[in-house]
Amino acid sequence: MTHLWVRAEQRANEDRTGLMPIGAAALIGAGLRVTVEDSATRAVPIDSYRAAGCEIAPENSWPDAPADAIIFGLKELPEDGTPLTHRHILFGHAYKGQPAGQTLLKRFRAGGGTLYDLEYLVDESGRRVAAFGYWAGYAGAAVALKCWAAQQRGGLAGPVSTYANSRALQDELTAELDALGTGRPTALVIGALGRVGTGAADLCTAMSVPVTRWDMAETAHGGPFPEVLAHDVFLNCILARPGTPVFVPASAPTDPRNLTVIGDIACDPDSDFSPIKVYDRTTSWAEPALRVHDAPPLDVTAIDNLPSMLPLESSEDFAAQLLPSLLTLPDLKAGVWGRAKATFDSHIERI
């Protein structure tokens, strides 16, 4: 019997889950065994999983799970250097040369485990089967506008937190922008036809922010892109990969510009392929804005778990997308799982 073990997230400000109780019930009905760890932070109460028929395990007990269990979480594992012996489903951020990712792969090699990276679960056409993209874009655009509003007040954006739902976020942000007594900034979204860009553009529209939508057609010439500097806010929604053009060069802080806020929603600053060359580290919930130039100001916001600002809505969306693939877990050699294993094997060979 295939055994899926849903671990508690061990990262701060991470309340999401990739499996809702209704999905857990579907897996159990299909003959899978489902264990869910208790969690002090998960947006879905543990009693809902218990009612769905799941076995309940103590929080963070996954290292002691049966050897044949498949451990399922979203964000990174604790960086304690221990060899990883299980099969894991998670966002590994390990295949683009990231230093932490290389360390993670070495732990899998040392323990003989396997990484099924959620970013690389793809269908026959290479399209991802599940992504948090829409809500990442939505929340990322909101944080960028909070950074812009803080600039208008002469300061730097303060801490961000979770919201019960997107309406609560909209209401708070509308009040914050209205209180400035100024007009709205202009925004440019690159990657506007994708999930992330759609979410970012939708939030801008909800806030009455004039938004320019770009996608592959507008960036195909490879740059430079003076239009980026001509907008007040730039929202990058393109995943860094080989061949991605540079949207914000290292010279941007001192170039003539209207641009004062960069929302790097794709958030991959330590990748060699990052299209934004003015910063090199992610920002945090406690300090969402990184000031890279003072006069005129230029702030970068790059939080790598943005959908957790809206944990319930983003979890429901992602879990519904992923469930059809989870139902095929009994055949790990085929389909999305077989392709993900092949990707993992190819990168392990390079270590």
Protein backbone atom coordinates (compact mmCIF):
# COMPACT_ATOMS: atom_id res chain seq x y z
CA MET A 1 0.00 0.00 0.00
CA THR A 2 1.39 3.40 -1.00
CA HIS A 3 1.90 5.49 2.13
CA LEU A 4 1.80 9.30 1.86
CA TRP A 5 3.09 11.13 4.94
CA VAL A 6 2.15 14.82 5.06
CA ARG A 7 4.67 16.59 7.26
CA ALA A 8 4.20 19.80 9.22
CA GLU A 9 6.01 22.76 7.71
CA GLN A 10 9.02 23.73 9.80
CA ARG A 11 9.66 27.12 8.28
CA ALA A 12 8.48 30.35 9.88
CA ASN A 13 5.49 32.06 8.24
CA GLU A 14 4.44 28.91 6.41
CA ASP A 15 0.85 27.92 7.04
CA ARG A 16 0.02 26.26 3.72
CA THR A 17 -0.55 22.63 2.86
CA GLY A 18 -0.52 20.71 -0.38
CA LEU A 19 -3.30 18.32 0.63
CA MET A 20 -6.74 19.34 1.85
CA PRO A 21 -8.96 16.95 3.84
CA ILE A 22 -11.23 16.34 0.85
CA GLY A 23 -8.18 15.27 -1.15
CA ALA A 24 -6.94 13.06 1.67
CA ALA A 25 -10.31 11.30 1.71
CA ALA A 26 -10.04 10.75 -2.05
CA LEU A 27 -6.58 9.21 -1.68
CA ILE A 28 -7.74 6.91 1.11
CA GLY A 29 -10.73 5.92 -1.00
CA ALA A 30 -8.34 5.04 -3.81
CA GLY A 31 -6.42 2.67 -1.53
CA LEU A 32 -3.57 4.86 -0.28
CA ARG A 33 -2.54 5.16 3.35
CA VAL A 34 -2.38 8.81 4.46
CA THR A 35 -0.65 10.06 7.59
CA VAL A 36 -0.82 13.76 8.48
CA GLU A 37 1.39 15.32 11.11
CA ASP A 38 -0.15 17.61 13.67
CA SER A 39 0.82 21.24 13.15
CA ALA A 40 0.61 24.33 15.30
CA THR A 41 0.45 26.59 12.25
CA ARG A 42 -1.27 24.81 9.35
CA ALA A 43 -4.27 26.78 8.05
CA VAL A 44 -6.39 23.61 8.12
CA PRO A 45 -7.17 22.09 11.55
CA ILE A 46 -5.93 18.59 12.22
CA ASP A 47 -9.41 17.40 13.20
CA SER A 48 -10.50 17.88 9.59
CA TYR A 49 -7.89 15.33 8.50
CA ARG A 50 -8.83 12.98 11.29
CA ALA A 51 -12.45 13.15 10.14
CA ALA A 52 -11.33 12.36 6.60
CA GLY A 53 -9.82 9.07 7.80
CA CYS A 54 -6.15 10.05 8.03
CA GLU A 55 -3.75 8.68 10.60
CA ILE A 56 -2.36 11.47 12.78
CA ALA A 57 1.32 11.68 13.74
CA PRO A 58 3.19 14.06 16.05
CA GLU A 59 4.51 17.29 14.59
CA ASN A 60 7.90 16.98 12.86
CA SER A 61 8.07 13.21 13.34
CA TRP A 62 8.70 12.47 9.65
CA PRO A 63 12.37 11.44 10.12
CA ASP A 64 11.03 8.39 11.96
CA ALA A 65 8.38 7.57 9.39
CA PRO A 66 8.45 4.07 7.86
CA ALA A 67 11.17 3.70 5.27
CA ASP A 68 8.65 3.18 2.47
CA ALA A 69 6.61 6.31 3.28
CA ILE A 70 6.64 9.17 0.80
CA ILE A 71 7.16 12.40 2.74
CA PHE A 72 5.15 15.32 1.38
CA GLY A 73 5.69 18.95 2.33
CA LEU A 74 6.00 22.26 0.57
CA LYS A 75 8.98 24.29 1.70
CA GLU A 76 12.52 23.33 2.56
CA LEU A 77 13.60 20.84 5.18
CA PRO A 78 15.63 21.87 8.23
CA GLU A 79 19.22 22.51 7.16
CA ASP A 80 20.80 20.14 9.65
CA GLY A 81 22.95 18.22 7.16
CA THR A 82 21.42 14.83 7.91
CA PRO A 83 21.30 12.29 5.07
CA LEU A 84 17.84 11.97 3.53
CA THR A 85 16.72 8.39 3.22
CA HIS A 86 13.06 8.79 2.29
CA ARG A 87 11.38 9.74 -0.93
CA HIS A 88 10.34 13.39 -0.58
CA ILE A 89 7.89 15.61 -2.44
CA LEU A 90 8.67 19.31 -1.91
CA PHE A 91 9.90 22.49 -3.56
CA GLY A 92 13.62 21.78 -3.53
CA HIS A 93 14.97 24.85 -5.40
CA ALA A 94 17.93 22.67 -6.23
CA TYR A 95 18.30 22.54 -10.01
CA LYS A 96 19.44 26.05 -10.95
CA GLY A 97 22.80 26.15 -9.23
CA GLN A 98 21.50 27.48 -5.90
CA PRO A 99 24.11 26.80 -3.17
CA ALA A 100 21.49 25.56 -0.68
CA GLY A 101 20.03 23.36 -3.38
CA GLN A 102 23.36 21.71 -4.02
CA THR A 103 23.65 20.96 -0.33
CA LEU A 104 20.17 19.44 -0.38
CA LEU A 105 21.06 17.17 -3.30
CA LYS A 106 24.18 15.98 -1.49
CA ARG A 107 21.99 15.00 1.47
CA PHE A 108 19.80 12.93 -0.84
CA ARG A 109 22.83 11.29 -2.36
CA ALA A 110 24.25 10.51 1.09
CA GLY A 111 21.01 8.94 2.31
CA GLY A 112 19.87 7.27 -0.89
CA GLY A 113 16.58 9.14 -0.89
CA THR A 114 14.78 10.75 -3.81
CA LEU A 115 13.48 14.25 -4.46
CA TYR A 116 10.28 14.65 -6.45
CA ASP A 117 10.48 18.40 -6.91
CA LEU A 118 7.05 20.02 -7.07
CA GLU A 119 8.36 22.61 -9.52
CA TYR A 120 9.29 19.80 -11.91
CA LEU A 121 6.09 17.78 -11.83
CA VAL A 122 5.13 18.29 -15.47
CA ASP A 123 2.77 16.76 -18.00
CA GLU A 124 3.73 15.35 -21.38
CA SER A 125 4.03 18.86 -22.84
CA GLY A 126 6.34 20.06 -20.06
CA ARG A 127 3.71 22.19 -18.32
CA ARG A 128 3.63 22.11 -14.53
CA VAL A 129 0.67 20.19 -13.16
CA ALA A 130 0.32 22.34 -10.03
CA ALA A 131 1.57 25.74 -8.95
CA PHE A 132 0.92 28.41 -6.37
CA GLY A 133 1.63 30.99 -9.05
CA TYR A 134 -1.61 32.96 -9.07
CA TRP A 135 -1.53 33.66 -5.35
CA ALA A 136 2.20 34.36 -5.40
CA GLY A 137 1.55 37.03 -8.00
CA TYR A 138 -1.42 38.41 -6.13
CA ALA A 139 0.37 38.68 -2.79
CA GLY A 140 3.65 39.80 -4.37
CA ALA A 141 1.98 42.71 -6.12
CA ALA A 142 0.33 43.68 -2.84
CA VAL A 143 3.67 43.71 -1.00
CA ALA A 144 5.26 45.77 -3.80
CA LEU A 145 2.49 48.35 -3.49
CA LYS A 146 2.99 48.41 0.27
CA CYS A 147 6.66 49.17 -0.40
CA TRP A 148 5.67 52.00 -2.73
CA ALA A 149 3.21 53.40 -0.18
CA ALA A 150 5.91 53.35 2.51
CA GLN A 151 8.19 55.31 0.21
CA GLN A 152 5.53 57.99 -0.22
CA ARG A 153 5.44 58.29 3.56
CA GLY A 154 9.22 58.67 3.61
CA GLY A 155 10.01 55.26 5.00
CA LEU A 156 10.57 51.58 4.37
CA ALA A 157 7.83 48.96 4.34
CA GLY A 158 7.14 47.31 7.66
CA PRO A 159 6.39 43.66 8.42
CA VAL A 160 3.71 41.75 6.51
CA SER A 161 1.47 38.99 7.83
CA THR A 162 -1.21 36.50 6.84
CA TYR A 163 -4.77 37.39 5.88
CA ALA A 164 -7.97 35.44 6.37
CA ASN A 165 -8.77 35.90 2.69
CA SER A 166 -8.01 38.03 -0.35
CA ARG A 167 -10.85 40.45 0.41
CA ALA A 168 -9.24 41.33 3.74
CA LEU A 169 -5.94 42.01 1.97
CA GLN A 170 -7.64 44.16 -0.66
CA ASP A 171 -9.52 46.20 1.92
CA GLU A 172 -6.39 46.92 3.95
CA LEU A 173 -4.29 47.84 0.92
CA THR A 174 -7.00 50.08 -0.55
CA ALA A 175 -7.21 52.00 2.70
CA GLU A 176 -3.42 52.34 2.83
CA LEU A 177 -3.17 53.70 -0.72
CA ASP A 178 -6.17 56.01 -0.33
CA ALA A 179 -4.72 57.50 2.84
CA LEU A 180 -1.72 58.79 0.89
CA GLY A 181 -3.85 61.33 -0.92
CA THR A 182 -1.83 60.81 -4.10
CA GLY A 183 -2.50 59.10 -7.38
CA ARG A 184 -1.71 55.44 -7.95
CA PRO A 185 1.69 54.34 -9.27
CA THR A 186 2.15 52.79 -12.71
CA ALA A 187 3.11 49.12 -12.82
CA LEU A 188 4.70 46.84 -15.41
CA VAL A 189 4.14 43.09 -15.17
CA ILE A 190 6.47 40.83 -17.17
CA GLY A 191 5.06 37.35 -17.54
CA ALA A 192 1.51 38.65 -17.59
CA LEU A 193 0.04 35.67 -19.46
CA GLY A 194 1.20 33.14 -16.87
CA ARG A 195 -0.34 32.21 -13.54
CA VAL A 196 1.95 34.48 -11.53
CA GLY A 197 1.53 37.44 -13.84
CA THR A 198 -2.23 37.03 -13.96
CA GLY A 199 -2.40 37.19 -10.18
CA ALA A 200 -0.15 40.24 -10.06
CA ALA A 201 -2.14 42.06 -12.74
CA ASP A 202 -5.44 41.18 -11.07
CA LEU A 203 -4.28 42.68 -7.78
CA CYS A 204 -3.11 45.85 -9.54
CA THR A 205 -6.46 46.15 -11.30
CA ALA A 206 -8.31 45.67 -8.01
CA MET A 207 -6.24 48.53 -6.57
CA SER A 208 -6.93 50.80 -9.59
CA VAL A 209 -3.22 50.75 -10.46
CA PRO A 210 -2.57 51.32 -14.19
CA VAL A 211 -0.80 48.15 -15.30
CA THR A 212 1.16 47.35 -18.45
CA ARG A 213 1.09 43.64 -19.28
CA TRP A 214 4.10 42.12 -21.05
CA ASP A 215 4.87 38.56 -21.96
CA MET A 216 7.14 36.70 -24.39
CA ALA A 217 6.26 38.81 -27.42
CA GLU A 218 7.40 42.02 -25.74
CA THR A 219 10.65 40.58 -24.38
CA ALA A 220 11.67 38.42 -27.35
CA HIS A 221 14.19 40.98 -28.63
CA GLY A 222 16.33 40.31 -25.55
CA GLY A 223 16.70 43.86 -24.28
CA PRO A 224 17.57 46.37 -23.14
CA PHE A 225 14.18 47.28 -21.69
CA PRO A 226 13.97 51.01 -20.89
CA GLU A 227 10.25 50.62 -20.32
CA VAL A 228 11.00 48.88 -17.02
CA LEU A 229 12.68 52.00 -15.68
CA ALA A 230 9.85 54.18 -16.99
CA HIS A 231 7.28 52.60 -14.65
CA ASP A 232 7.02 53.24 -10.92
CA VAL A 233 6.70 49.57 -9.99
CA PHE A 234 8.10 46.54 -11.83
CA LEU A 235 6.75 43.06 -11.09
CA ASN A 236 8.89 40.20 -12.36
CA CYS A 237 6.82 37.06 -12.86
CA ILE A 238 9.26 35.12 -15.06
CA LEU A 239 11.09 32.13 -13.61
CA ALA A 240 14.84 32.39 -14.02
CA ARG A 241 16.15 29.89 -16.52
CA PRO A 242 18.87 29.72 -19.21
CA GLY A 243 18.25 32.38 -21.83
CA THR A 244 16.16 34.67 -19.63
CA PRO A 245 17.06 38.25 -20.61
CA VAL A 246 18.15 40.84 -18.05
CA PHE A 247 15.23 43.13 -17.21
CA VAL A 248 16.98 45.25 -14.56
CA PRO A 249 20.73 45.69 -15.14
CA ALA A 250 23.23 46.43 -12.38
CA SER A 251 23.36 50.04 -13.57
CA ALA A 252 19.64 50.63 -12.91
CA PRO A 253 19.95 52.29 -9.47
CA THR A 254 21.95 55.18 -10.93
CA ASP A 255 20.24 55.28 -14.34
CA PRO A 256 17.52 57.88 -15.00
CA ARG A 257 14.31 56.20 -13.86
CA ASN A 258 10.82 56.50 -12.50
CA LEU A 259 11.19 53.01 -11.06
CA THR A 260 11.27 52.94 -7.26
CA VAL A 261 10.01 49.43 -6.42
CA ILE A 262 10.92 46.05 -7.88
CA GLY A 263 8.73 43.13 -6.90
CA ASP A 264 10.74 40.04 -7.83
CA ILE A 265 7.85 37.66 -7.39
CA ALA A 266 9.71 34.84 -9.15
CA CYS A 267 12.31 35.34 -6.42
CA ASP A 268 15.43 33.48 -7.47
CA PRO A 269 18.23 35.97 -6.66
CA ASP A 270 21.01 33.43 -6.20
CA SER A 271 20.41 31.82 -9.58
CA ASP A 272 22.92 32.58 -12.31
CA PHE A 273 19.95 33.29 -14.58
CA SER A 274 18.23 35.93 -12.44
CA PRO A 275 16.96 38.77 -14.66
CA ILE A 276 17.32 41.34 -11.88
CA LYS A 277 20.93 42.30 -11.19
CA VAL A 278 20.57 44.85 -8.40
CA TYR A 279 20.24 42.51 -5.42
CA ASP A 280 21.42 39.07 -4.28
CA ARG A 281 19.25 37.88 -1.40
CA THR A 282 15.63 37.30 -0.59
CA THR A 283 13.70 39.55 1.74
CA SER A 284 11.54 38.42 4.63
CA TRP A 285 8.11 38.87 6.21
CA ALA A 286 9.73 40.91 8.97
CA GLU A 287 11.70 43.07 6.52
CA PRO A 288 9.97 42.84 3.13
CA ALA A 289 11.89 45.68 1.47
CA LEU A 290 15.59 45.83 0.66
CA ARG A 291 16.78 49.33 -0.22
CA VAL A 292 19.41 49.14 -2.95
CA HIS A 293 19.65 52.90 -3.61
CA ASP A 294 18.72 55.94 -1.56
CA ALA A 295 18.14 58.94 -3.81
CA PRO A 296 15.84 58.45 -5.53
CA PRO A 297 14.90 55.35 -3.55
CA LEU A 298 14.89 51.91 -5.12
CA ASP A 299 13.52 49.05 -3.06
CA VAL A 300 13.40 45.36 -3.92
CA THR A 301 10.92 42.98 -2.36
CA ALA A 302 11.52 39.28 -2.91
CA ILE A 303 9.75 36.99 -0.46
CA ASP A 304 9.97 33.33 -1.43
CA ASN A 305 6.75 32.06 0.18
CA LEU A 306 4.30 34.78 -0.79
CA PRO A 307 1.24 32.53 -1.18
CA SER A 308 1.36 31.82 2.55
CA MET A 309 0.07 35.35 3.10
CA LEU A 310 -3.23 33.86 1.89
CA PRO A 311 -2.73 30.34 3.20
CA LEU A 312 -6.23 28.93 2.94
CA GLU A 313 -7.10 30.16 -0.55
CA SER A 314 -3.69 29.27 -1.96
CA SER A 315 -3.74 25.81 -0.36
CA GLU A 316 -7.21 25.03 -1.72
CA ASP A 317 -6.15 26.07 -5.21
CA PHE A 318 -2.83 24.20 -5.24
CA ALA A 319 -4.18 21.04 -3.62
CA ALA A 320 -6.97 20.79 -6.19
CA GLN A 321 -4.44 21.06 -9.01
CA LEU A 322 -2.10 18.46 -7.49
CA LEU A 323 -4.63 15.84 -6.40
CA PRO A 324 -4.93 14.05 -9.79
CA SER A 325 -1.17 13.47 -9.73
CA LEU A 326 -1.18 12.30 -6.11
CA LEU A 327 -3.76 9.71 -7.09
CA THR A 328 -1.17 8.20 -9.45
CA LEU A 329 1.48 7.79 -6.71
CA PRO A 330 1.16 3.98 -6.71
CA ASP A 331 2.97 4.03 -10.08
CA LEU A 332 6.02 6.18 -9.40
CA LYS A 333 7.81 4.99 -12.52
CA ALA A 334 5.35 6.57 -14.92
CA GLY A 335 3.85 9.95 -15.71
CA VAL A 336 4.71 13.03 -13.71
CA TRP A 337 6.56 11.04 -11.05
CA GLY A 338 8.71 9.20 -13.55
CA ARG A 339 9.63 12.47 -15.24
CA ALA A 340 10.45 14.09 -11.90
CA LYS A 341 12.64 11.13 -10.92
CA ALA A 342 14.53 11.37 -14.21
CA THR A 343 15.16 15.07 -13.56
CA PHE A 344 16.42 14.28 -10.08
CA ASP A 345 18.70 11.52 -11.34
CA SER A 346 20.23 13.78 -13.98
CA HIS A 347 21.15 16.38 -11.37
CA ILE A 348 22.42 13.85 -8.84
CA GLU A 349 24.85 12.60 -11.50
CA ARG A 350 26.39 16.09 -11.69
CA ILE A 351 27.12 16.35 -7.99
